[in-house]
Amino acid sequence: MLFLSVTFTQVHAQQAFTRSELTYTIHPGTVTLNDGQILSGYVFNNRYSENQKKCEFYTDYKDSRTRKVYKPSEIAGYSIENDQYKSVPYNGNIAFGKPSPQFLYITKPGAINSLVYYIDGQPQPVWQKGNDEAVTNSSLLFKFNKNVLRLVSDYPELVDKINRKEKGYGMLGLDNIVNEYNTWAAAKPKQ
């Protein structure tokens, strides 16, 4: 089981994203407060694992007195140029207890966000629809249908394809399932 979990993680981690090339310095960015208000300013780009723990925000990048450090529980998310981080309750693939908020890197935004969480420098892919509970590799490995259907339950045609186990709609086709759902959701008329 451990071998399958590691293999599944590595396959999806390689397919899901490319790493940002931003340098370790202050860049233009935003902070989204829990009430939806967006603050524009500058954000320090640290290492990926450090960006998960805190956001260092400046209203004036030349003045360190304007620095404010936000924890994942204090804001909804932040951006560094085009890189986006979202506060998500998450403790890793095989976690026990109630998950605590972490900033997860959004690799592909959409109705279902594809995100990444770093553990010991290794990317762990995560998927989240809106603000619902995050779906992890381990949850998909042990209960694929239940967890993937939770993500796409409002798209009946896609649910049918997954239930019929059509080719490309199983565990190795997860990226295609998410892409198809996101395309469908983007084309839906806004209500």
N, C-alpha and C. Protein backbone atom coordinates (compact mmCIF):
# COMPACT_ATOMS: atom_id res chain seq x y z
N MET A 1 0.82 -1.19 0.00
CA MET A 1 0.00 0.00 0.00
C MET A 1 0.86 1.25 0.00
N LEU A 2 1.93 1.22 0.79
CA LEU A 2 2.81 2.39 0.85
C LEU A 2 3.43 2.65 -0.52
N PHE A 3 3.86 1.59 -1.21
CA PHE A 3 4.43 1.73 -2.54
C PHE A 3 3.42 2.37 -3.49
N LEU A 4 2.17 1.89 -3.47
CA LEU A 4 1.14 2.45 -4.34
C LEU A 4 0.89 3.92 -4.02
N SER A 5 0.85 4.24 -2.75
CA SER A 5 0.60 5.63 -2.34
C SER A 5 1.71 6.55 -2.83
N VAL A 6 2.96 6.13 -2.66
CA VAL A 6 4.11 6.93 -3.10
C VAL A 6 4.11 7.06 -4.61
N THR A 7 3.86 5.97 -5.32
CA THR A 7 3.83 6.00 -6.78
C THR A 7 2.72 6.91 -7.28
N PHE A 8 1.53 6.78 -6.73
CA PHE A 8 0.40 7.62 -7.12
C PHE A 8 0.71 9.08 -6.87
N THR A 9 1.31 9.38 -5.72
CA THR A 9 1.68 10.75 -5.38
C THR A 9 2.66 11.30 -6.40
N GLN A 10 3.69 10.54 -6.72
CA GLN A 10 4.72 11.01 -7.64
C GLN A 10 4.17 11.22 -9.04
N VAL A 11 3.31 10.33 -9.52
CA VAL A 11 2.73 10.47 -10.86
C VAL A 11 1.94 11.77 -10.94
N HIS A 12 1.06 12.00 -9.96
CA HIS A 12 0.24 13.20 -10.00
C HIS A 12 1.04 14.45 -9.70
N ALA A 13 2.04 14.36 -8.87
CA ALA A 13 2.85 15.54 -8.56
C ALA A 13 3.61 16.00 -9.80
N GLN A 14 4.06 15.07 -10.62
CA GLN A 14 4.79 15.44 -11.83
C GLN A 14 3.86 15.99 -12.90
N GLN A 15 2.65 15.47 -12.99
CA GLN A 15 1.73 15.90 -14.02
C GLN A 15 1.05 17.21 -13.67
N ALA A 16 0.83 17.46 -12.39
CA ALA A 16 -0.08 18.51 -11.97
C ALA A 16 0.45 19.92 -12.14
N PHE A 17 1.76 20.13 -12.09
CA PHE A 17 2.20 21.52 -12.08
C PHE A 17 3.68 21.65 -12.43
N THR A 18 4.05 22.87 -12.71
CA THR A 18 5.45 23.22 -12.82
C THR A 18 5.71 24.27 -11.74
N ARG A 19 6.89 24.24 -11.19
CA ARG A 19 7.22 25.15 -10.10
C ARG A 19 7.42 26.56 -10.62
N SER A 20 7.06 27.51 -9.79
CA SER A 20 7.25 28.91 -10.11
C SER A 20 8.74 29.24 -10.11
N GLU A 21 9.11 30.20 -10.91
CA GLU A 21 10.51 30.60 -11.01
C GLU A 21 10.79 31.90 -10.27
N LEU A 22 9.89 32.33 -9.40
CA LEU A 22 10.09 33.57 -8.67
C LEU A 22 11.29 33.47 -7.73
N THR A 23 12.01 34.55 -7.60
CA THR A 23 13.18 34.59 -6.72
C THR A 23 12.75 34.79 -5.28
N TYR A 24 13.67 34.52 -4.35
CA TYR A 24 13.41 34.68 -2.92
C TYR A 24 13.61 36.14 -2.54
N THR A 25 12.61 36.92 -2.82
CA THR A 25 12.64 38.34 -2.50
C THR A 25 11.21 38.86 -2.45
N ILE A 26 11.05 40.16 -2.30
CA ILE A 26 9.73 40.77 -2.24
C ILE A 26 9.23 41.04 -3.65
N HIS A 27 7.96 40.66 -3.90
CA HIS A 27 7.31 40.84 -5.20
C HIS A 27 5.96 41.52 -5.01
N PRO A 28 5.42 42.13 -6.05
CA PRO A 28 4.04 42.63 -5.95
C PRO A 28 3.10 41.48 -5.61
N GLY A 29 2.11 41.76 -4.77
CA GLY A 29 1.19 40.70 -4.39
C GLY A 29 -0.05 41.25 -3.71
N THR A 30 -0.91 40.33 -3.32
CA THR A 30 -2.16 40.69 -2.64
C THR A 30 -2.39 39.76 -1.46
N VAL A 31 -3.23 40.22 -0.56
CA VAL A 31 -3.71 39.40 0.55
C VAL A 31 -5.23 39.45 0.50
N THR A 32 -5.87 38.30 0.58
CA THR A 32 -7.34 38.23 0.63
C THR A 32 -7.74 37.92 2.06
N LEU A 33 -8.41 38.87 2.69
CA LEU A 33 -8.86 38.68 4.06
C LEU A 33 -10.03 37.72 4.11
N ASN A 34 -10.34 37.21 5.27
CA ASN A 34 -11.44 36.24 5.41
C ASN A 34 -12.79 36.81 5.01
N ASP A 35 -12.95 38.13 5.06
CA ASP A 35 -14.22 38.75 4.65
C ASP A 35 -14.27 39.05 3.15
N GLY A 36 -13.22 38.67 2.41
CA GLY A 36 -13.18 38.88 0.96
C GLY A 36 -12.47 40.14 0.52
N GLN A 37 -12.15 41.02 1.46
CA GLN A 37 -11.44 42.25 1.11
C GLN A 37 -10.03 41.90 0.62
N ILE A 38 -9.58 42.58 -0.45
CA ILE A 38 -8.26 42.33 -1.02
C ILE A 38 -7.37 43.53 -0.76
N LEU A 39 -6.20 43.25 -0.18
CA LEU A 39 -5.21 44.28 0.07
C LEU A 39 -4.09 44.14 -0.95
N SER A 40 -3.75 45.22 -1.62
CA SER A 40 -2.65 45.19 -2.59
C SER A 40 -1.40 45.72 -1.93
N GLY A 41 -0.28 45.14 -2.31
CA GLY A 41 1.00 45.57 -1.76
C GLY A 41 2.10 44.68 -2.29
N TYR A 42 2.90 44.16 -1.36
CA TYR A 42 4.05 43.34 -1.73
C TYR A 42 4.15 42.16 -0.77
N VAL A 43 4.58 41.02 -1.31
CA VAL A 43 4.68 39.80 -0.51
C VAL A 43 6.07 39.20 -0.71
N PHE A 44 6.65 38.75 0.40
CA PHE A 44 7.96 38.10 0.34
C PHE A 44 7.78 36.66 -0.12
N ASN A 45 8.49 36.27 -1.17
CA ASN A 45 8.47 34.89 -1.66
C ASN A 45 9.58 34.12 -0.96
N ASN A 46 9.18 33.20 -0.11
CA ASN A 46 10.12 32.37 0.63
C ASN A 46 10.16 31.00 -0.02
N ARG A 47 10.74 30.05 0.62
CA ARG A 47 10.73 28.68 0.12
C ARG A 47 9.29 28.14 0.18
N TYR A 48 9.00 27.13 -0.65
CA TYR A 48 7.64 26.61 -0.72
C TYR A 48 7.11 26.19 0.63
N SER A 49 7.93 25.48 1.42
CA SER A 49 7.45 25.01 2.72
C SER A 49 7.19 26.19 3.66
N GLU A 50 7.95 27.25 3.56
CA GLU A 50 7.73 28.43 4.40
C GLU A 50 6.52 29.22 3.93
N ASN A 51 6.29 29.27 2.63
CA ASN A 51 5.10 29.96 2.10
C ASN A 51 3.81 29.29 2.57
N GLN A 52 3.88 28.02 2.97
CA GLN A 52 2.71 27.29 3.48
C GLN A 52 2.35 27.74 4.89
N LYS A 53 3.34 28.25 5.62
CA LYS A 53 3.14 28.56 7.04
C LYS A 53 2.76 30.01 7.30
N LYS A 54 3.23 30.92 6.45
CA LYS A 54 2.99 32.34 6.71
C LYS A 54 3.08 33.15 5.44
N CYS A 55 2.48 34.33 5.49
CA CYS A 55 2.55 35.30 4.41
C CYS A 55 3.13 36.58 4.99
N GLU A 56 4.26 37.02 4.44
CA GLU A 56 4.88 38.28 4.87
C GLU A 56 4.47 39.37 3.89
N PHE A 57 3.58 40.24 4.34
CA PHE A 57 2.98 41.27 3.49
C PHE A 57 3.52 42.65 3.87
N TYR A 58 3.79 43.47 2.84
CA TYR A 58 4.27 44.83 3.03
C TYR A 58 3.38 45.78 2.23
N THR A 59 3.02 46.91 2.82
CA THR A 59 2.32 47.92 2.04
C THR A 59 3.34 48.76 1.27
N ASP A 60 4.57 48.87 1.80
CA ASP A 60 5.67 49.57 1.13
C ASP A 60 6.90 48.67 1.22
N TYR A 61 7.34 48.13 0.09
CA TYR A 61 8.44 47.17 0.12
C TYR A 61 9.77 47.79 0.57
N LYS A 62 9.87 49.10 0.57
CA LYS A 62 11.11 49.77 1.00
C LYS A 62 11.12 50.05 2.51
N ASP A 63 9.99 49.82 3.17
CA ASP A 63 9.87 50.15 4.58
C ASP A 63 9.47 48.91 5.38
N SER A 64 10.40 48.32 6.11
CA SER A 64 10.12 47.10 6.86
C SER A 64 9.12 47.34 7.99
N ARG A 65 8.87 48.59 8.35
CA ARG A 65 7.88 48.88 9.39
C ARG A 65 6.46 48.60 8.90
N THR A 66 6.26 48.48 7.59
CA THR A 66 4.92 48.18 7.06
C THR A 66 4.67 46.67 6.95
N ARG A 67 5.62 45.87 7.42
CA ARG A 67 5.53 44.41 7.34
C ARG A 67 4.48 43.88 8.32
N LYS A 68 3.63 42.97 7.80
CA LYS A 68 2.67 42.27 8.63
C LYS A 68 2.72 40.80 8.24
N VAL A 69 2.84 39.94 9.23
CA VAL A 69 2.89 38.50 8.98
C VAL A 69 1.52 37.90 9.27
N TYR A 70 0.98 37.19 8.27
CA TYR A 70 -0.33 36.53 8.41
C TYR A 70 -0.13 35.02 8.49
N LYS A 71 -0.91 34.40 9.36
CA LYS A 71 -0.95 32.94 9.45
C LYS A 71 -2.13 32.45 8.60
N PRO A 72 -2.13 31.16 8.22
CA PRO A 72 -3.22 30.63 7.39
C PRO A 72 -4.60 30.77 8.03
N SER A 73 -4.68 30.80 9.34
CA SER A 73 -5.98 30.94 10.00
C SER A 73 -6.49 32.38 9.97
N GLU A 74 -5.63 33.33 9.61
CA GLU A 74 -5.99 34.74 9.68
C GLU A 74 -6.50 35.31 8.36
N ILE A 75 -6.17 34.67 7.23
CA ILE A 75 -6.58 35.18 5.92
C ILE A 75 -7.04 34.02 5.03
N ALA A 76 -7.78 34.36 3.97
CA ALA A 76 -8.28 33.34 3.04
C ALA A 76 -7.21 32.89 2.06
N GLY A 77 -6.24 33.77 1.77
CA GLY A 77 -5.18 33.42 0.84
C GLY A 77 -4.37 34.63 0.46
N TYR A 78 -3.40 34.41 -0.42
CA TYR A 78 -2.56 35.51 -0.89
C TYR A 78 -1.95 35.15 -2.24
N SER A 79 -1.44 36.17 -2.90
CA SER A 79 -0.77 35.95 -4.18
C SER A 79 0.58 36.65 -4.18
N ILE A 80 1.51 36.05 -4.92
CA ILE A 80 2.81 36.65 -5.18
C ILE A 80 2.92 36.70 -6.69
N GLU A 81 2.79 37.89 -7.26
CA GLU A 81 2.66 38.05 -8.71
C GLU A 81 1.53 37.14 -9.19
N ASN A 82 1.79 36.15 -10.05
CA ASN A 82 0.73 35.27 -10.55
C ASN A 82 0.57 33.99 -9.74
N ASP A 83 1.44 33.77 -8.75
CA ASP A 83 1.34 32.58 -7.91
C ASP A 83 0.29 32.83 -6.83
N GLN A 84 -0.59 31.83 -6.64
CA GLN A 84 -1.66 31.98 -5.65
C GLN A 84 -1.55 30.91 -4.57
N TYR A 85 -1.83 31.32 -3.34
CA TYR A 85 -1.87 30.42 -2.20
C TYR A 85 -3.24 30.56 -1.55
N LYS A 86 -3.81 29.44 -1.11
CA LYS A 86 -5.12 29.43 -0.48
C LYS A 86 -5.01 28.77 0.88
N SER A 87 -5.70 29.33 1.86
CA SER A 87 -5.74 28.72 3.19
C SER A 87 -6.71 27.55 3.17
N VAL A 88 -6.19 26.36 3.47
CA VAL A 88 -6.97 25.13 3.41
C VAL A 88 -6.66 24.30 4.65
N PRO A 89 -7.68 23.77 5.34
CA PRO A 89 -7.41 22.86 6.45
C PRO A 89 -6.78 21.58 5.89
N TYR A 90 -5.51 21.31 6.26
CA TYR A 90 -4.80 20.18 5.68
C TYR A 90 -3.57 19.86 6.52
N ASN A 91 -3.37 18.58 6.82
CA ASN A 91 -2.19 18.15 7.59
C ASN A 91 -1.35 17.12 6.86
N GLY A 92 -1.57 16.92 5.60
CA GLY A 92 -0.79 15.93 4.87
C GLY A 92 -1.68 14.80 4.40
N ASN A 93 -1.08 13.90 3.62
CA ASN A 93 -1.83 12.80 3.03
C ASN A 93 -2.41 11.83 4.05
N ILE A 94 -1.62 11.47 5.03
CA ILE A 94 -2.08 10.52 6.04
C ILE A 94 -2.00 11.24 7.37
N ALA A 95 -3.04 12.01 7.65
CA ALA A 95 -3.07 12.82 8.86
C ALA A 95 -4.12 12.31 9.82
N PHE A 96 -3.87 12.57 11.08
CA PHE A 96 -4.81 12.18 12.12
C PHE A 96 -5.31 13.43 12.82
N GLY A 97 -6.54 13.36 13.30
CA GLY A 97 -7.09 14.49 14.01
C GLY A 97 -7.62 15.55 13.06
N LYS A 98 -8.02 16.66 13.65
CA LYS A 98 -8.58 17.77 12.88
C LYS A 98 -7.44 18.51 12.16
N PRO A 99 -7.56 18.70 10.84
CA PRO A 99 -6.49 19.41 10.12
C PRO A 99 -6.45 20.88 10.47
N SER A 100 -5.26 21.43 10.48
CA SER A 100 -5.09 22.86 10.74
C SER A 100 -4.88 23.59 9.42
N PRO A 101 -5.23 24.87 9.36
CA PRO A 101 -5.08 25.62 8.11
C PRO A 101 -3.61 25.72 7.67
N GLN A 102 -3.39 25.57 6.39
CA GLN A 102 -2.08 25.73 5.75
C GLN A 102 -2.32 26.52 4.47
N PHE A 103 -1.31 27.23 4.00
CA PHE A 103 -1.39 27.85 2.69
C PHE A 103 -0.94 26.83 1.67
N LEU A 104 -1.86 26.42 0.78
CA LEU A 104 -1.52 25.49 -0.30
C LEU A 104 -1.36 26.28 -1.59
N TYR A 105 -0.37 25.90 -2.36
CA TYR A 105 -0.06 26.54 -3.64
C TYR A 105 -1.07 26.06 -4.68
N ILE A 106 -1.74 26.99 -5.34
CA ILE A 106 -2.71 26.64 -6.38
C ILE A 106 -1.96 26.45 -7.70
N THR A 107 -1.94 25.21 -8.17
CA THR A 107 -1.24 24.92 -9.43
C THR A 107 -2.13 25.14 -10.63
N LYS A 108 -3.44 24.91 -10.43
CA LYS A 108 -4.39 25.10 -11.51
C LYS A 108 -5.72 25.53 -10.90
N PRO A 109 -6.05 26.83 -11.04
CA PRO A 109 -7.32 27.28 -10.48
C PRO A 109 -8.50 26.83 -11.32
N GLY A 110 -9.65 26.71 -10.68
CA GLY A 110 -10.87 26.33 -11.38
C GLY A 110 -11.96 26.06 -10.37
N ALA A 111 -13.08 25.54 -10.85
CA ALA A 111 -14.16 25.16 -9.93
C ALA A 111 -13.63 24.12 -8.94
N ILE A 112 -12.77 23.24 -9.44
CA ILE A 112 -11.98 22.35 -8.58
C ILE A 112 -10.54 22.85 -8.69
N ASN A 113 -10.01 23.37 -7.61
CA ASN A 113 -8.62 23.82 -7.60
C ASN A 113 -7.69 22.62 -7.47
N SER A 114 -6.62 22.61 -8.25
CA SER A 114 -5.53 21.66 -8.05
C SER A 114 -4.49 22.41 -7.24
N LEU A 115 -4.10 21.83 -6.10
CA LEU A 115 -3.18 22.49 -5.19
C LEU A 115 -2.02 21.56 -4.87
N VAL A 116 -1.01 22.13 -4.21
CA VAL A 116 0.14 21.35 -3.79
C VAL A 116 0.50 21.74 -2.37
N TYR A 117 0.84 20.71 -1.59
CA TYR A 117 1.35 20.89 -0.23
C TYR A 117 2.70 20.20 -0.18
N TYR A 118 3.70 20.86 0.37
CA TYR A 118 5.04 20.29 0.42
C TYR A 118 5.31 19.65 1.77
N ILE A 119 5.76 18.41 1.75
CA ILE A 119 6.21 17.70 2.94
C ILE A 119 7.64 17.25 2.68
N ASP A 120 8.55 17.73 3.48
CA ASP A 120 9.98 17.42 3.31
C ASP A 120 10.44 17.70 1.88
N GLY A 121 9.97 18.79 1.30
CA GLY A 121 10.38 19.20 -0.03
C GLY A 121 9.67 18.47 -1.16
N GLN A 122 8.84 17.48 -0.82
CA GLN A 122 8.14 16.70 -1.84
C GLN A 122 6.72 17.23 -2.00
N PRO A 123 6.30 17.50 -3.24
CA PRO A 123 4.94 18.01 -3.46
C PRO A 123 3.89 16.93 -3.29
N GLN A 124 2.83 17.25 -2.56
CA GLN A 124 1.69 16.36 -2.37
C GLN A 124 0.49 17.00 -3.04
N PRO A 125 -0.04 16.44 -4.12
CA PRO A 125 -1.18 17.04 -4.80
C PRO A 125 -2.45 16.94 -3.95
N VAL A 126 -3.28 17.96 -4.06
CA VAL A 126 -4.53 18.07 -3.32
C VAL A 126 -5.55 18.70 -4.27
N TRP A 127 -6.82 18.32 -4.13
CA TRP A 127 -7.87 18.90 -4.94
C TRP A 127 -8.96 19.41 -4.01
N GLN A 128 -9.52 20.57 -4.36
CA GLN A 128 -10.57 21.14 -3.52
C GLN A 128 -11.59 21.86 -4.39
N LYS A 129 -12.85 21.54 -4.15
CA LYS A 129 -13.95 22.21 -4.84
C LYS A 129 -14.46 23.31 -3.91
N GLY A 130 -14.36 24.55 -4.34
CA GLY A 130 -14.78 25.68 -3.52
C GLY A 130 -14.06 25.67 -2.19
N ASN A 131 -14.83 25.66 -1.11
CA ASN A 131 -14.25 25.57 0.24
C ASN A 131 -14.59 24.25 0.91
N ASP A 132 -14.96 23.24 0.10
CA ASP A 132 -15.26 21.92 0.64
C ASP A 132 -13.98 21.29 1.19
N GLU A 133 -14.15 20.17 1.88
CA GLU A 133 -13.00 19.44 2.42
C GLU A 133 -12.08 19.02 1.27
N ALA A 134 -10.79 19.18 1.48
CA ALA A 134 -9.80 18.83 0.46
C ALA A 134 -9.76 17.31 0.25
N VAL A 135 -9.48 16.92 -0.99
CA VAL A 135 -9.32 15.52 -1.36
C VAL A 135 -7.84 15.28 -1.60
N THR A 136 -7.30 14.25 -0.97
CA THR A 136 -5.87 13.96 -1.03
C THR A 136 -5.61 12.69 -1.82
N ASN A 137 -4.33 12.46 -2.11
CA ASN A 137 -3.93 11.22 -2.77
C ASN A 137 -4.36 10.00 -1.98
N SER A 138 -4.11 10.01 -0.67
CA SER A 138 -4.44 8.82 0.12
C SER A 138 -5.94 8.59 0.17
N SER A 139 -6.74 9.65 0.22
CA SER A 139 -8.19 9.45 0.24
C SER A 139 -8.67 8.89 -1.10
N LEU A 140 -8.02 9.28 -2.19
CA LEU A 140 -8.37 8.74 -3.51
C LEU A 140 -7.89 7.31 -3.66
N LEU A 141 -6.74 7.01 -3.08
CA LEU A 141 -6.18 5.67 -3.20
C LEU A 141 -7.08 4.63 -2.54
N PHE A 142 -7.61 4.98 -1.39
CA PHE A 142 -8.41 4.02 -0.64
C PHE A 142 -9.90 4.07 -0.98
N LYS A 143 -10.42 5.23 -1.39
CA LYS A 143 -11.84 5.36 -1.72
C LYS A 143 -11.98 6.30 -2.91
N PHE A 144 -11.48 5.85 -4.05
CA PHE A 144 -11.45 6.72 -5.23
C PHE A 144 -12.85 7.21 -5.61
N ASN A 145 -13.76 6.27 -5.88
CA ASN A 145 -15.09 6.67 -6.35
C ASN A 145 -15.78 7.62 -5.39
N LYS A 146 -15.79 7.28 -4.12
CA LYS A 146 -16.48 8.11 -3.13
C LYS A 146 -15.93 9.54 -3.14
N ASN A 147 -14.61 9.68 -3.15
CA ASN A 147 -14.00 11.01 -3.03
C ASN A 147 -14.03 11.79 -4.34
N VAL A 148 -13.82 11.13 -5.46
CA VAL A 148 -13.87 11.86 -6.73
C VAL A 148 -15.31 12.27 -7.05
N LEU A 149 -16.26 11.42 -6.69
CA LEU A 149 -17.66 11.75 -6.94
C LEU A 149 -18.11 12.92 -6.05
N ARG A 150 -17.50 13.04 -4.89
CA ARG A 150 -17.79 14.20 -4.03
C ARG A 150 -17.38 15.49 -4.73
N LEU A 151 -16.31 15.45 -5.52
CA LEU A 151 -15.85 16.63 -6.24
C LEU A 151 -16.75 16.99 -7.43
N VAL A 152 -17.27 15.98 -8.11
CA VAL A 152 -17.98 16.23 -9.38
C VAL A 152 -19.46 15.88 -9.33
N SER A 153 -20.03 15.76 -8.16
CA SER A 153 -21.39 15.23 -8.00
C SER A 153 -22.47 16.02 -8.73
N ASP A 154 -22.25 17.29 -9.03
CA ASP A 154 -23.28 18.09 -9.70
C ASP A 154 -23.19 18.03 -11.23
N TYR A 155 -22.31 17.19 -11.75
CA TYR A 155 -22.16 17.01 -13.20
C TYR A 155 -22.53 15.56 -13.54
N PRO A 156 -23.84 15.29 -13.79
CA PRO A 156 -24.33 13.91 -13.94
C PRO A 156 -23.63 13.09 -15.04
N GLU A 157 -23.32 13.70 -16.17
CA GLU A 157 -22.68 12.95 -17.25
C GLU A 157 -21.30 12.45 -16.84
N LEU A 158 -20.56 13.27 -16.12
CA LEU A 158 -19.24 12.87 -15.65
C LEU A 158 -19.35 11.80 -14.57
N VAL A 159 -20.33 11.93 -13.70
CA VAL A 159 -20.57 10.92 -12.66
C VAL A 159 -20.85 9.57 -13.33
N ASP A 160 -21.66 9.57 -14.40
CA ASP A 160 -21.96 8.32 -15.12
C ASP A 160 -20.70 7.69 -15.70
N LYS A 161 -19.84 8.50 -16.30
CA LYS A 161 -18.60 7.98 -16.89
C LYS A 161 -17.72 7.33 -15.82
N ILE A 162 -17.64 7.96 -14.66
CA ILE A 162 -16.83 7.42 -13.57
C ILE A 162 -17.46 6.14 -13.04
N ASN A 163 -18.77 6.13 -12.83
CA ASN A 163 -19.45 4.94 -12.32
C ASN A 163 -19.38 3.77 -13.29
N ARG A 164 -19.42 4.06 -14.61
CA ARG A 164 -19.32 3.00 -15.62
C ARG A 164 -17.88 2.56 -15.84
N LYS A 165 -16.95 3.25 -15.18
CA LYS A 165 -15.51 2.96 -15.29
C LYS A 165 -15.04 3.02 -16.74
N GLU A 166 -15.50 4.08 -17.44
CA GLU A 166 -15.04 4.29 -18.81
C GLU A 166 -13.53 4.48 -18.81
N LYS A 167 -12.91 4.10 -19.91
CA LYS A 167 -11.47 4.25 -20.03
C LYS A 167 -11.10 5.74 -19.87
N GLY A 168 -10.11 6.00 -19.04
CA GLY A 168 -9.65 7.36 -18.80
C GLY A 168 -10.36 8.06 -17.65
N TYR A 169 -11.31 7.36 -17.00
CA TYR A 169 -12.06 7.97 -15.90
C TYR A 169 -11.82 7.23 -14.58
N GLY A 170 -10.64 6.67 -14.46
CA GLY A 170 -10.24 6.01 -13.23
C GLY A 170 -9.18 6.85 -12.52
N MET A 171 -8.49 6.22 -11.60
CA MET A 171 -7.51 6.91 -10.78
C MET A 171 -6.41 7.60 -11.59
N LEU A 172 -5.94 6.97 -12.64
CA LEU A 172 -4.87 7.58 -13.45
C LEU A 172 -5.39 8.68 -14.37
N GLY A 173 -6.71 8.80 -14.49
CA GLY A 173 -7.30 9.85 -15.32
C GLY A 173 -7.81 11.03 -14.52
N LEU A 174 -7.33 11.17 -13.28
CA LEU A 174 -7.84 12.22 -12.41
C LEU A 174 -7.65 13.61 -12.98
N ASP A 175 -6.50 13.89 -13.57
CA ASP A 175 -6.28 15.22 -14.15
C ASP A 175 -7.30 15.50 -15.26
N ASN A 176 -7.61 14.50 -16.07
CA ASN A 176 -8.60 14.68 -17.13
C ASN A 176 -10.00 14.88 -16.55
N ILE A 177 -10.31 14.17 -15.48
CA ILE A 177 -11.62 14.33 -14.82
C ILE A 177 -11.76 15.76 -14.31
N VAL A 178 -10.73 16.26 -13.63
CA VAL A 178 -10.76 17.62 -13.08
C VAL A 178 -10.85 18.64 -14.22
N ASN A 179 -10.08 18.45 -15.28
CA ASN A 179 -10.14 19.38 -16.41
C ASN A 179 -11.52 19.39 -17.06
N GLU A 180 -12.11 18.20 -17.24
CA GLU A 180 -13.44 18.12 -17.85
C GLU A 180 -14.47 18.81 -16.96
N TYR A 181 -14.38 18.58 -15.66
CA TYR A 181 -15.32 19.23 -14.74
C TYR A 181 -15.15 20.75 -14.79
N ASN A 182 -13.92 21.23 -14.74
CA ASN A 182 -13.68 22.67 -14.75
C ASN A 182 -14.16 23.33 -16.04
N THR A 183 -13.99 22.65 -17.17
CA THR A 183 -14.50 23.17 -18.45
C THR A 183 -16.01 23.25 -18.41
N TRP A 184 -16.65 22.19 -17.92
CA TRP A 184 -18.11 22.18 -17.80
C TRP A 184 -18.60 23.29 -16.87
N ALA A 185 -17.96 23.44 -15.71
CA ALA A 185 -18.38 24.45 -14.73
C ALA A 185 -18.19 25.86 -15.27
N ALA A 186 -17.11 26.10 -16.02
CA ALA A 186 -16.86 27.44 -16.58
C ALA A 186 -17.89 27.80 -17.66
N ALA A 187 -18.42 26.78 -18.36
CA ALA A 187 -19.39 27.02 -19.44
C ALA A 187 -20.82 27.16 -18.93
N LYS A 188 -21.05 26.77 -17.68
CA LYS A 188 -22.41 26.86 -17.11
C LYS A 188 -22.81 28.33 -17.00
N PRO A 189 -24.07 28.64 -17.32
CA PRO A 189 -24.53 30.02 -17.12
C PRO A 189 -24.50 30.37 -15.63
N LYS A 190 -24.08 31.58 -15.35
CA LYS A 190 -24.02 32.06 -13.96
C LYS A 190 -25.44 32.34 -13.50
N GLN A 191 -25.72 31.95 -12.27
CA GLN A 191 -27.08 32.15 -11.73
C GLN A 191 -27.10 33.28 -10.75
